[in-house]
Every structure is written in C-alpha cells, then in structure tokens.
N, C-alpha and C. Protein backbone atom coordinates (compact mmCIF):
# COMPACT_ATOMS: atom_id res chain seq x y z
N MET A 1 -9.79 30.75 -4.92
CA MET A 1 -10.63 31.59 -6.08
C MET A 1 -9.96 32.82 -6.49
N THR A 2 -9.87 33.13 -7.52
CA THR A 2 -9.21 33.90 -8.48
C THR A 2 -9.97 35.38 -8.10
N THR A 3 -9.49 36.57 -8.45
CA THR A 3 -10.24 37.72 -8.08
C THR A 3 -11.25 37.80 -9.16
N LYS A 4 -10.85 37.32 -10.40
CA LYS A 4 -11.79 37.31 -11.39
C LYS A 4 -13.11 36.68 -11.02
N GLU A 5 -12.99 35.33 -10.53
CA GLU A 5 -13.97 34.52 -10.27
C GLU A 5 -14.87 34.99 -9.10
N LEU A 6 -14.22 35.72 -8.30
CA LEU A 6 -15.00 36.43 -7.16
C LEU A 6 -15.77 37.39 -7.53
N HIS A 7 -15.38 38.32 -8.86
CA HIS A 7 -16.24 39.09 -9.28
C HIS A 7 -17.25 38.75 -10.31
N LEU A 8 -17.02 37.45 -10.96
CA LEU A 8 -18.21 36.92 -11.50
C LEU A 8 -19.24 36.37 -10.51
N LEU A 9 -18.60 35.68 -9.71
CA LEU A 9 -19.70 35.06 -8.44
C LEU A 9 -20.64 36.34 -7.87
N ASN A 10 -19.91 37.62 -7.59
CA ASN A 10 -20.59 38.82 -7.21
C ASN A 10 -21.60 39.28 -8.33
N ASP A 11 -21.27 39.07 -9.33
CA ASP A 11 -22.33 39.85 -10.41
C ASP A 11 -23.22 39.02 -10.70
N ILE A 12 -23.20 37.61 -10.54
CA ILE A 12 -24.17 36.45 -10.65
C ILE A 12 -25.17 36.69 -9.32
N GLU A 13 -24.46 37.10 -8.25
CA GLU A 13 -25.63 37.06 -7.19
C GLU A 13 -26.20 38.23 -7.10
N LYS A 14 -25.77 39.37 -7.75
CA LYS A 14 -26.59 40.79 -7.84
C LYS A 14 -27.83 40.45 -8.92
N GLN A 15 -27.51 39.79 -9.96
CA GLN A 15 -28.47 39.34 -11.18
C GLN A 15 -29.41 38.69 -10.31
N LEU A 16 -29.26 37.60 -9.25
CA LEU A 16 -30.15 36.81 -8.72
C LEU A 16 -30.95 37.65 -7.84
N TRP A 17 -30.24 38.46 -7.25
CA TRP A 17 -31.07 39.33 -5.87
C TRP A 17 -31.85 40.51 -7.01
N ASN A 18 -31.42 40.81 -8.00
CA ASN A 18 -32.42 41.69 -8.77
C ASN A 18 -33.67 40.95 -9.43
N SER A 19 -33.65 39.60 -9.76
CA SER A 19 -34.69 38.76 -10.08
C SER A 19 -35.45 38.50 -8.97
N VAL A 20 -34.71 38.25 -7.81
CA VAL A 20 -35.81 38.01 -6.55
C VAL A 20 -36.56 39.23 -6.45
N ASP A 21 -36.16 40.40 -6.52
CA ASP A 21 -36.87 41.50 -6.27
C ASP A 21 -38.08 41.67 -7.16
N LYS A 22 -37.68 41.40 -8.38
CA LYS A 22 -38.75 41.54 -9.68
C LYS A 22 -40.12 40.29 -9.16
N LEU A 23 -39.34 39.18 -8.88
CA LEU A 23 -40.38 38.22 -8.59
C LEU A 23 -41.34 38.37 -7.37
N ARG A 24 -40.72 39.32 -6.56
CA ARG A 24 -41.33 39.58 -5.13
C ARG A 24 -42.59 40.35 -5.47
N LEU A 25 -42.40 41.21 -6.70
CA LEU A 25 -43.65 42.12 -7.04
C LEU A 25 -44.72 41.42 -7.62
N ALA A 26 -44.44 40.20 -8.51
CA ALA A 26 -45.18 39.47 -9.04
C ALA A 26 -46.05 38.39 -8.26
N ILE A 27 -45.75 38.13 -7.09
CA ILE A 27 -46.44 37.16 -6.36
C ILE A 27 -47.39 37.77 -5.19
N ASP A 28 -48.26 36.88 -4.68
CA ASP A 28 -49.16 37.49 -3.48
C ASP A 28 -48.58 37.20 -2.27
N SER A 29 -48.99 38.00 -1.32
CA SER A 29 -48.59 38.04 0.09
C SER A 29 -48.14 36.93 0.65
N LYS A 30 -48.92 35.68 0.60
CA LYS A 30 -48.63 34.55 1.29
C LYS A 30 -47.22 33.80 0.47
N GLU A 31 -47.21 33.77 -0.79
CA GLU A 31 -46.00 33.16 -1.28
C GLU A 31 -44.88 34.45 -1.27
N TYR A 32 -45.23 35.54 -1.04
CA TYR A 32 -44.15 36.54 -0.61
C TYR A 32 -43.52 36.21 0.50
N LYS A 33 -44.33 35.89 1.84
CA LYS A 33 -43.88 35.44 3.03
C LYS A 33 -42.79 34.46 2.89
N HIS A 34 -43.37 33.40 2.09
CA HIS A 34 -42.33 32.09 1.78
C HIS A 34 -41.01 32.26 1.19
N VAL A 35 -41.04 33.18 0.06
CA VAL A 35 -39.94 33.76 -0.74
C VAL A 35 -38.90 34.66 0.45
N ARG A 36 -39.71 35.32 1.28
CA ARG A 36 -38.91 36.19 2.27
C ARG A 36 -38.12 35.29 3.21
N GLU A 37 -38.70 34.29 3.43
CA GLU A 37 -38.11 33.25 4.63
C GLU A 37 -36.79 32.56 3.91
N LYS A 38 -36.91 32.33 2.69
CA LYS A 38 -36.12 31.71 1.90
C LYS A 38 -34.89 32.71 1.52
N GLU A 39 -35.06 34.02 1.45
CA GLU A 39 -34.25 34.94 1.11
C GLU A 39 -33.60 35.20 2.60
N LYS A 40 -34.25 35.29 3.34
CA LYS A 40 -33.37 35.43 4.96
C LYS A 40 -32.40 34.06 5.08
N ASN A 41 -32.88 33.01 4.64
CA ASN A 41 -32.15 31.83 4.97
C ASN A 41 -30.94 31.96 3.93
N ALA A 42 -31.21 32.44 2.72
CA ALA A 42 -30.20 32.70 1.64
C ALA A 42 -28.98 33.47 2.24
N HIS A 43 -29.57 34.71 2.94
CA HIS A 43 -28.77 35.55 3.35
C HIS A 43 -27.74 35.26 4.44
N GLU A 44 -28.25 34.41 5.28
CA GLU A 44 -27.40 33.60 6.30
C GLU A 44 -26.46 32.65 5.66
N GLY A 45 -27.05 31.88 4.52
CA GLY A 45 -26.08 31.26 3.80
C GLY A 45 -24.87 31.98 3.27
N LYS A 46 -25.25 32.89 2.64
CA LYS A 46 -24.11 34.05 2.30
C LYS A 46 -23.31 34.50 3.23
N LEU A 47 -23.46 34.64 4.42
CA LEU A 47 -22.61 35.09 5.59
C LEU A 47 -21.92 33.93 5.79
N LYS A 48 -22.20 32.81 5.83
CA LYS A 48 -21.36 31.37 6.06
C LYS A 48 -20.52 31.37 4.96
N ILE A 49 -20.70 31.63 3.61
CA ILE A 49 -20.03 31.60 2.65
C ILE A 49 -18.88 32.64 2.77
N SER A 50 -19.26 33.73 3.25
CA SER A 50 -18.41 34.88 3.44
C SER A 50 -17.31 34.48 4.46
N SER A 51 -17.50 33.90 5.58
CA SER A 51 -17.03 33.44 6.77
C SER A 51 -15.86 32.37 5.99
N VAL A 52 -16.29 31.55 5.24
CA VAL A 52 -15.34 30.35 4.58
C VAL A 52 -14.52 31.12 3.74
N ARG A 53 -14.96 32.04 2.84
CA ARG A 53 -13.91 32.80 2.05
C ARG A 53 -12.92 33.41 2.82
N ASN A 54 -13.32 33.95 3.99
CA ASN A 54 -12.27 34.92 4.97
C ASN A 54 -11.14 33.61 5.36
N LEU A 55 -11.69 32.41 5.76
CA LEU A 55 -10.84 31.43 6.43
C LEU A 55 -9.86 31.09 5.29
N VAL A 56 -10.56 30.91 4.05
CA VAL A 56 -9.47 30.54 2.83
C VAL A 56 -8.53 31.26 2.68
N ASP A 57 -9.12 32.63 2.55
CA ASP A 57 -7.97 33.76 2.40
C ASP A 57 -6.90 33.66 3.31
N GLN A 58 -7.26 33.67 4.88
CA GLN A 58 -6.20 33.56 6.04
C GLN A 58 -5.32 32.43 5.73
N THR A 59 -5.88 31.23 5.27
CA THR A 59 -4.94 29.99 5.24
C THR A 59 -4.15 30.36 3.95
N TYR A 60 -4.51 30.78 3.02
CA TYR A 60 -3.65 31.11 1.83
C TYR A 60 -2.74 32.21 2.05
N GLU A 61 -3.04 33.12 2.95
CA GLU A 61 -2.05 34.06 3.24
C GLU A 61 -0.71 33.51 4.29
N GLN A 62 -1.46 32.49 5.14
CA GLN A 62 -0.47 32.04 5.98
C GLN A 62 0.65 31.27 5.00
N ASP A 63 0.01 30.43 4.34
CA ASP A 63 0.72 29.33 3.58
C ASP A 63 1.79 30.12 2.72
N THR A 64 1.22 30.96 2.13
CA THR A 64 2.18 31.81 1.24
C THR A 64 3.29 32.67 2.15
N GLN A 65 3.02 33.10 3.46
CA GLN A 65 4.18 33.56 4.02
C GLN A 65 5.00 32.47 4.42
N ALA A 66 4.57 31.25 4.80
CA ALA A 66 5.44 30.19 5.25
C ALA A 66 6.43 29.89 4.21
N ILE A 67 5.90 29.93 2.86
CA ILE A 67 6.70 29.50 1.95
C ILE A 67 7.62 30.36 1.47
N LEU A 68 7.26 31.57 1.68
CA LEU A 68 8.27 32.92 1.19
C LEU A 68 9.33 32.60 2.23
N LYS A 69 8.95 32.38 3.59
CA LYS A 69 10.05 32.40 4.66
C LYS A 69 10.95 31.16 4.42
N SER A 70 10.34 30.03 4.03
CA SER A 70 11.18 28.78 4.03
C SER A 70 12.09 29.08 2.60
N TRP A 71 11.59 29.51 1.68
CA TRP A 71 12.44 29.42 0.52
C TRP A 71 13.50 30.86 0.43
N PHE A 72 13.13 31.73 0.83
CA PHE A 72 13.82 33.23 0.55
C PHE A 72 14.51 33.98 1.95
N VAL A 73 14.20 33.09 3.25
CA VAL A 73 14.79 33.73 4.54
C VAL A 73 15.54 32.44 5.25
N ASP A 74 14.97 31.36 5.01
CA ASP A 74 15.71 30.07 5.56
C ASP A 74 16.59 29.53 4.69
N PHE A 75 16.20 29.43 3.41
CA PHE A 75 16.67 29.01 2.43
C PHE A 75 16.70 27.36 2.33
N GLU A 76 15.31 26.85 2.96
CA GLU A 76 15.41 25.50 2.97
C GLU A 76 15.46 24.73 1.74
N PRO A 77 15.07 25.19 0.66
CA PRO A 77 15.25 24.20 -0.52
C PRO A 77 16.84 24.06 -0.92
N THR A 78 17.37 25.13 -0.73
CA THR A 78 19.06 25.01 -0.83
C THR A 78 19.82 24.16 0.28
N ARG A 79 19.51 24.07 1.33
CA ARG A 79 19.67 23.27 2.40
C ARG A 79 19.33 21.85 2.23
N ALA A 80 18.29 21.59 1.69
CA ALA A 80 17.89 20.09 1.17
C ALA A 80 18.73 19.77 0.30
N LYS A 81 19.16 20.52 -0.87
CA LYS A 81 19.82 20.26 -1.89
C LYS A 81 21.20 20.11 -1.27
N ILE A 82 21.76 20.82 -0.54
CA ILE A 82 23.23 20.58 0.10
C ILE A 82 23.20 19.15 0.96
N ALA A 83 22.44 18.96 1.58
CA ALA A 83 22.13 17.88 2.40
C ALA A 83 22.17 16.52 1.48
N ALA A 84 21.45 16.64 0.35
CA ALA A 84 21.35 15.63 -0.59
C ALA A 84 22.81 15.30 -1.18
N LYS A 85 23.35 16.57 -1.35
CA LYS A 85 24.75 16.24 -2.09
C LYS A 85 25.46 15.67 -1.20
N LYS A 86 25.74 16.13 0.09
CA LYS A 86 26.46 15.56 1.07
C LYS A 86 26.48 14.06 1.37
N ARG A 87 24.97 13.71 1.43
CA ARG A 87 24.64 12.27 1.51
C ARG A 87 25.09 11.37 0.43
N TRP A 88 24.91 12.00 -0.73
CA TRP A 88 25.10 11.13 -2.00
C TRP A 88 26.78 11.08 -2.02
N LEU A 89 27.37 12.25 -1.75
CA LEU A 89 28.92 12.03 -1.94
C LEU A 89 29.49 10.98 -0.67
N ALA A 90 28.87 10.81 0.47
CA ALA A 90 29.05 10.00 1.18
C ALA A 90 28.75 8.52 0.93
N ILE A 91 27.58 8.47 0.49
CA ILE A 91 27.34 7.13 0.14
C ILE A 91 28.16 6.66 -0.82
N ASN A 92 28.52 7.29 -1.93
CA ASN A 92 29.43 7.07 -2.95
C ASN A 92 31.12 6.95 -2.64
N ASP A 93 31.26 7.08 -1.23
CA ASP A 93 32.70 7.11 -0.58
C ASP A 93 33.48 8.15 -1.36
N ILE A 94 32.90 9.38 -1.66
CA ILE A 94 33.73 10.39 -2.20
C ILE A 94 34.05 11.38 -1.12
N ILE A 95 33.36 11.49 0.12
CA ILE A 95 33.74 12.54 1.12
C ILE A 95 33.93 11.86 2.21
N GLU A 96 34.53 12.29 3.39
CA GLU A 96 34.46 11.70 4.72
C GLU A 96 33.20 11.50 5.22
N THR A 97 32.86 10.64 5.73
CA THR A 97 31.45 9.92 6.00
C THR A 97 31.19 10.20 7.42
N SER A 98 32.00 10.88 8.24
CA SER A 98 31.75 11.02 9.66
C SER A 98 31.02 12.20 9.96
N SER A 99 30.67 12.85 8.82
CA SER A 99 29.68 14.18 8.91
C SER A 99 28.37 13.66 9.56
N PRO A 100 27.70 14.31 10.54
CA PRO A 100 26.64 13.96 11.08
C PRO A 100 25.41 14.52 10.05
N ALA A 101 25.74 15.41 9.13
CA ALA A 101 24.89 15.80 8.19
C ALA A 101 24.50 14.46 7.16
N CYS A 102 25.35 13.69 6.97
CA CYS A 102 25.29 12.59 5.95
C CYS A 102 24.43 11.51 6.56
N TYR A 103 24.36 11.61 7.75
CA TYR A 103 23.56 10.13 8.39
C TYR A 103 22.28 10.82 9.26
N SER A 104 22.09 12.04 9.05
CA SER A 104 20.95 12.58 9.77
C SER A 104 19.72 11.89 9.45
N VAL A 105 18.71 11.82 10.62
CA VAL A 105 17.58 10.92 10.24
C VAL A 105 16.61 11.80 9.30
N GLU A 106 16.74 13.27 9.54
CA GLU A 106 15.85 14.08 8.48
C GLU A 106 16.08 13.81 7.13
N PHE A 107 17.17 13.44 6.85
CA PHE A 107 17.42 13.30 5.26
C PHE A 107 17.40 11.47 4.94
N ASP A 108 17.09 10.71 5.88
CA ASP A 108 16.76 9.42 5.80
C ASP A 108 15.84 9.44 4.83
N ALA A 109 14.77 10.30 4.88
CA ALA A 109 13.65 10.07 4.19
C ALA A 109 13.80 10.28 2.76
N TYR A 110 14.85 10.98 2.15
CA TYR A 110 15.05 10.96 0.90
C TYR A 110 16.15 10.01 0.56
N ASN A 111 15.59 8.86 0.26
CA ASN A 111 16.42 7.49 0.07
C ASN A 111 17.00 7.72 -1.29
N ILE A 112 18.41 8.03 -1.36
CA ILE A 112 18.93 8.53 -2.45
C ILE A 112 19.48 6.94 -2.90
N LYS A 113 18.99 6.71 -4.13
CA LYS A 113 19.46 5.64 -4.95
C LYS A 113 19.55 6.23 -6.35
N GLN A 114 19.65 7.45 -6.46
CA GLN A 114 19.78 7.92 -7.99
C GLN A 114 21.35 7.73 -8.59
N ASN A 115 21.42 7.45 -9.70
CA ASN A 115 22.77 7.19 -10.45
C ASN A 115 23.52 8.44 -10.14
N THR A 116 22.92 9.69 -10.49
CA THR A 116 24.15 10.91 -10.60
C THR A 116 23.75 11.91 -9.31
N LEU A 117 24.72 12.49 -9.01
CA LEU A 117 24.56 13.65 -8.19
C LEU A 117 23.61 14.47 -8.22
N ASN A 118 23.46 15.08 -9.62
CA ASN A 118 22.48 16.05 -9.77
C ASN A 118 20.98 15.63 -9.88
N GLU A 119 20.78 14.30 -9.97
CA GLU A 119 19.67 13.88 -9.90
C GLU A 119 19.12 13.76 -8.64
N ALA A 120 20.09 13.19 -7.74
CA ALA A 120 19.66 13.27 -6.29
C ALA A 120 19.53 14.42 -5.59
N MET A 121 20.15 15.43 -6.16
CA MET A 121 19.95 16.82 -5.36
C MET A 121 18.54 17.34 -5.93
N THR A 122 18.22 16.95 -7.02
CA THR A 122 17.15 17.69 -7.71
C THR A 122 15.95 16.83 -7.01
N LEU A 123 15.92 15.68 -6.97
CA LEU A 123 14.90 14.80 -6.47
C LEU A 123 14.58 15.10 -5.01
N ALA A 124 15.88 15.59 -3.99
CA ALA A 124 15.58 15.85 -2.84
C ALA A 124 14.98 17.01 -2.53
N THR A 125 15.50 18.05 -3.30
CA THR A 125 14.69 19.41 -3.34
C THR A 125 13.36 19.10 -3.73
N ILE A 126 13.00 18.78 -4.67
CA ILE A 126 11.55 18.20 -5.07
C ILE A 126 10.96 17.86 -3.88
N ALA A 127 11.38 16.80 -3.33
CA ALA A 127 10.85 16.14 -2.43
C ALA A 127 10.52 17.06 -1.01
N PHE A 128 11.35 17.99 -0.88
CA PHE A 128 11.30 18.92 0.05
C PHE A 128 10.08 19.89 -0.21
N LEU A 129 10.24 20.30 -1.65
CA LEU A 129 9.18 21.39 -2.00
C LEU A 129 7.64 20.95 -1.77
N VAL A 130 7.48 19.68 -2.14
CA VAL A 130 5.95 19.13 -1.96
C VAL A 130 5.94 18.28 -0.68
N ASP A 131 6.72 18.00 -0.08
CA ASP A 131 6.76 17.65 1.49
C ASP A 131 6.15 15.98 1.19
N GLN A 132 7.22 15.21 0.35
CA GLN A 132 6.70 13.89 -0.01
C GLN A 132 8.14 13.29 -0.25
N LYS A 133 8.12 11.98 0.18
CA LYS A 133 9.40 10.98 -0.02
C LYS A 133 9.41 10.87 -1.34
N ILE A 134 10.86 10.68 -1.90
CA ILE A 134 11.28 10.65 -3.34
C ILE A 134 10.39 9.39 -3.94
N GLU A 135 10.14 8.43 -3.23
CA GLU A 135 9.29 7.56 -3.77
C GLU A 135 7.79 7.81 -4.33
N GLU A 136 7.16 8.66 -3.58
CA GLU A 136 6.07 9.28 -3.82
C GLU A 136 5.89 10.06 -5.22
N LEU A 137 7.16 10.58 -5.21
CA LEU A 137 7.00 11.50 -6.57
C LEU A 137 6.73 11.11 -7.57
N GLU A 138 6.63 9.57 -7.80
CA GLU A 138 6.20 8.80 -9.06
C GLU A 138 4.58 9.06 -9.21
N LEU A 139 4.03 9.70 -8.31
CA LEU A 139 2.38 9.85 -8.11
C LEU A 139 2.26 11.17 -8.95
N GLN A 140 3.13 11.83 -8.96
CA GLN A 140 2.87 13.19 -9.72
C GLN A 140 2.86 12.94 -11.28
N SER A 141 2.13 13.87 -12.03
CA SER A 141 2.24 13.74 -13.45
C SER A 141 3.70 14.22 -13.98
N THR A 142 3.82 13.93 -15.26
CA THR A 142 5.11 14.28 -15.84
C THR A 142 5.08 15.53 -15.74
N GLU A 143 4.26 16.27 -16.08
CA GLU A 143 4.01 17.83 -16.37
C GLU A 143 4.35 18.58 -15.03
N THR A 144 3.72 18.21 -14.07
CA THR A 144 3.95 18.60 -12.62
C THR A 144 5.57 18.38 -12.11
N LEU A 145 5.95 17.06 -12.60
CA LEU A 145 7.43 17.06 -12.10
C LEU A 145 8.37 17.89 -12.95
N ALA A 146 8.05 18.11 -14.25
CA ALA A 146 9.00 18.99 -15.09
C ALA A 146 8.77 20.36 -14.57
N GLN A 147 7.47 21.16 -14.04
CA GLN A 147 7.63 22.08 -13.48
C GLN A 147 8.38 22.11 -12.09
N LEU A 148 8.38 21.06 -11.24
CA LEU A 148 8.89 21.12 -10.00
C LEU A 148 10.52 21.02 -10.35
N ASN A 149 10.85 20.30 -11.52
CA ASN A 149 12.10 20.30 -11.54
C ASN A 149 12.81 21.65 -12.02
N ALA A 150 11.85 22.48 -12.71
CA ALA A 150 12.39 23.84 -13.01
C ALA A 150 12.57 24.74 -11.90
N ILE A 151 11.79 24.51 -10.73
CA ILE A 151 11.91 25.13 -9.61
C ILE A 151 12.97 24.69 -8.96
N ALA A 152 13.04 23.58 -8.63
CA ALA A 152 14.31 23.08 -8.04
C ALA A 152 15.55 23.49 -8.53
N ASP A 153 15.79 23.64 -9.79
CA ASP A 153 16.85 24.04 -10.40
C ASP A 153 17.14 25.51 -10.22
N LEU A 154 16.36 26.22 -9.71
CA LEU A 154 16.59 27.76 -9.22
C LEU A 154 17.37 27.73 -7.90
N PHE A 155 17.20 26.78 -7.20
CA PHE A 155 18.02 26.77 -5.99
C PHE A 155 19.42 26.18 -6.20
N PRO A 156 20.52 26.84 -5.89
CA PRO A 156 21.87 26.10 -5.79
C PRO A 156 22.29 25.34 -4.79
N ASP A 157 23.35 24.66 -4.99
CA ASP A 157 23.58 23.44 -3.92
C ASP A 157 24.88 23.89 -3.09
N GLU A 158 25.02 25.23 -2.69
CA GLU A 158 25.98 25.89 -2.16
C GLU A 158 25.53 27.45 -1.56
N PHE A 159 26.37 27.80 -0.45
CA PHE A 159 26.02 29.07 0.04
C PHE A 159 27.15 30.00 -0.22
N ASP A 160 27.04 31.12 -0.28
CA ASP A 160 27.97 32.50 -0.64
C ASP A 160 27.64 33.26 0.63
N LYS A 161 28.69 33.76 1.03
CA LYS A 161 28.91 34.77 2.23
C LYS A 161 28.50 36.04 1.78
N SER A 162 27.76 36.97 2.42
CA SER A 162 27.40 38.24 2.19
C SER A 162 27.12 38.90 3.34
N GLU A 163 26.99 40.41 3.20
CA GLU A 163 26.99 41.25 4.64
C GLU A 163 25.65 40.90 5.27
N LEU A 164 24.75 40.22 4.80
CA LEU A 164 23.57 39.68 5.79
C LEU A 164 23.56 38.33 6.53
N GLY A 165 24.72 37.56 5.75
CA GLY A 165 25.17 36.29 6.19
C GLY A 165 25.16 35.29 4.99
N GLU A 166 24.94 34.03 5.23
CA GLU A 166 25.03 33.13 4.15
C GLU A 166 23.84 33.39 3.20
N ILE A 167 23.84 33.27 1.91
CA ILE A 167 23.01 33.41 1.03
C ILE A 167 23.31 32.11 -0.19
N PRO A 168 22.03 31.80 -0.81
CA PRO A 168 22.26 30.72 -2.02
C PRO A 168 23.33 31.26 -2.95
N ALA A 169 24.32 30.41 -3.12
CA ALA A 169 25.36 30.93 -4.31
C ALA A 169 24.61 31.54 -5.55
N GLY A 170 25.29 32.64 -6.18
CA GLY A 170 24.69 33.22 -7.27
C GLY A 170 23.61 34.07 -6.85
N TRP A 171 23.04 34.12 -5.90
CA TRP A 171 21.81 35.08 -5.53
C TRP A 171 22.45 36.42 -4.98
N SER A 172 21.86 37.37 -4.75
CA SER A 172 22.33 38.74 -4.30
C SER A 172 21.31 39.40 -3.57
N ASN A 173 21.69 40.20 -2.76
CA ASN A 173 20.83 40.89 -1.85
C ASN A 173 20.37 42.14 -2.57
N GLN A 174 18.96 42.37 -2.63
CA GLN A 174 18.42 43.47 -3.53
C GLN A 174 17.42 44.56 -2.57
N THR A 175 17.29 45.70 -2.78
CA THR A 175 16.13 46.46 -2.24
C THR A 175 15.09 46.28 -3.20
N VAL A 176 14.06 46.53 -2.59
CA VAL A 176 12.66 46.47 -3.38
C VAL A 176 12.79 47.56 -4.68
N GLU A 177 13.55 48.48 -4.33
CA GLU A 177 13.76 49.84 -5.59
C GLU A 177 14.72 49.08 -6.64
N GLY A 178 15.75 48.52 -6.12
CA GLY A 178 16.61 47.37 -7.11
C GLY A 178 15.85 46.42 -8.03
N LEU A 179 14.84 45.97 -7.27
CA LEU A 179 14.27 45.05 -8.05
C LEU A 179 13.18 45.39 -9.09
N ILE A 180 12.47 46.71 -8.58
CA ILE A 180 11.54 47.39 -9.58
C ILE A 180 12.56 47.79 -10.93
N GLU A 181 13.78 48.27 -10.54
CA GLU A 181 14.54 48.73 -11.64
C GLU A 181 15.14 47.58 -12.46
N LEU A 182 15.17 46.73 -12.28
CA LEU A 182 15.60 45.08 -12.80
C LEU A 182 14.28 44.90 -13.64
N LEU A 183 13.31 44.97 -13.01
CA LEU A 183 12.06 44.71 -13.79
C LEU A 183 11.74 45.56 -14.86
N ILE A 184 11.92 46.89 -14.62
CA ILE A 184 11.67 47.61 -15.84
C ILE A 184 12.70 47.67 -16.41
N LYS A 185 13.99 47.32 -16.38
CA LYS A 185 14.87 47.21 -17.50
C LYS A 185 14.63 45.83 -18.31
N SER A 186 14.21 44.80 -17.80
CA SER A 186 13.88 43.76 -18.58
C SER A 186 12.53 43.92 -19.23
N MET A 187 11.63 44.78 -18.97
CA MET A 187 10.61 45.04 -19.55
C MET A 187 11.04 45.80 -20.93
N SER A 188 11.97 46.76 -20.92
CA SER A 188 12.11 47.69 -21.84
C SER A 188 13.01 46.91 -23.03
N LYS A 189 13.44 45.61 -22.79
CA LYS A 189 14.34 45.20 -23.75
C LYS A 189 13.40 44.46 -24.99
C-alpha cells in the first residue's frame, strides 16, 4: 500500500469512528451494549490489520534490501549477462569451451537458443531479474517485457577495475553527496 492509500484508509477509519460515536448517542442502552461489543471486536480486528501491515512492511523492506544488494553490491544481473555471453560464445564456437562457466549448471536454466548475442544476454538478465526460465518469460505481457528489457539494458556485460574492486563497466563509485550534486545539476537543466 502506498502512503497515500494508507492516509486515505486512516481518514475513512476516523470518519467511521466519528459516525459510530454519533450513533452511540442515538441508541438505547441494550443496543449500545451490542454496538460496544462490535466496536471491541472491530478494534481487535484493527490490531490484527496493523500486525499484517507491519509484516508486509518488513517483508517489503527485506525484499528491497535484497534487491539492492544483488544489483548494486554483488552485481548479479551483470554476472548473469556475462555468463550468458560466455555460454553463447561457447555454443557458437567463438571462444574456448573448456571454461567451467560455459557449462555451469547454474546457467543451464538459461537455455540460450537466441539468434544474437545481445538477445541471449538480455533474456538471461531478464530471467535473472524475475527469477524465471527464459521459456517462462513468454507469460509476461509485452509491456512488462519492454520494461524488463530497459532494466536489463542498464547492466553492462563486463567489469572494470576500481579502487573498490570490480564494478560494472561504465559505472563509477560515487558518494551520496556526489549523487545529490548530480541530481541537482540534472534538475537545473
């Protein structure tokens, strides 16, 4: 749920409780007890909903951290693209086939039958991003595949050396301050 949806839900909930309070004044004591019991149950339900929200938030946070680590610390999409490149080149007898990466079981899931190297690398990267086999990507909508293709294109097919170790080619190490400066410059254009 977005923040806007949560605020809307909270506003509706406040209005509902205000209506209940007004109704409470209008009913006799026997019905009031009945409404009070329902209110108590609703409050318990609200606590359960709050617990579910917290669990969803924690799961979302964990998933986000895992993706950030995978993409920007371990560079796994770049590694998937490089492995697909090596495999495609080996299958097409362009490189030495004795490389263990070319026959790794890990990359057998990416059954590379594509006509071009670029297509093989892109599909292998997309398959990694969505944790599916290439054959299963056909189940994705054209729009989703276009979005995933654009994301896959952001990951290069080789590494450069840097003072921090290997990083994807064309990427650079930046401080938060440096990124903020770049953002400000791009907004002022």
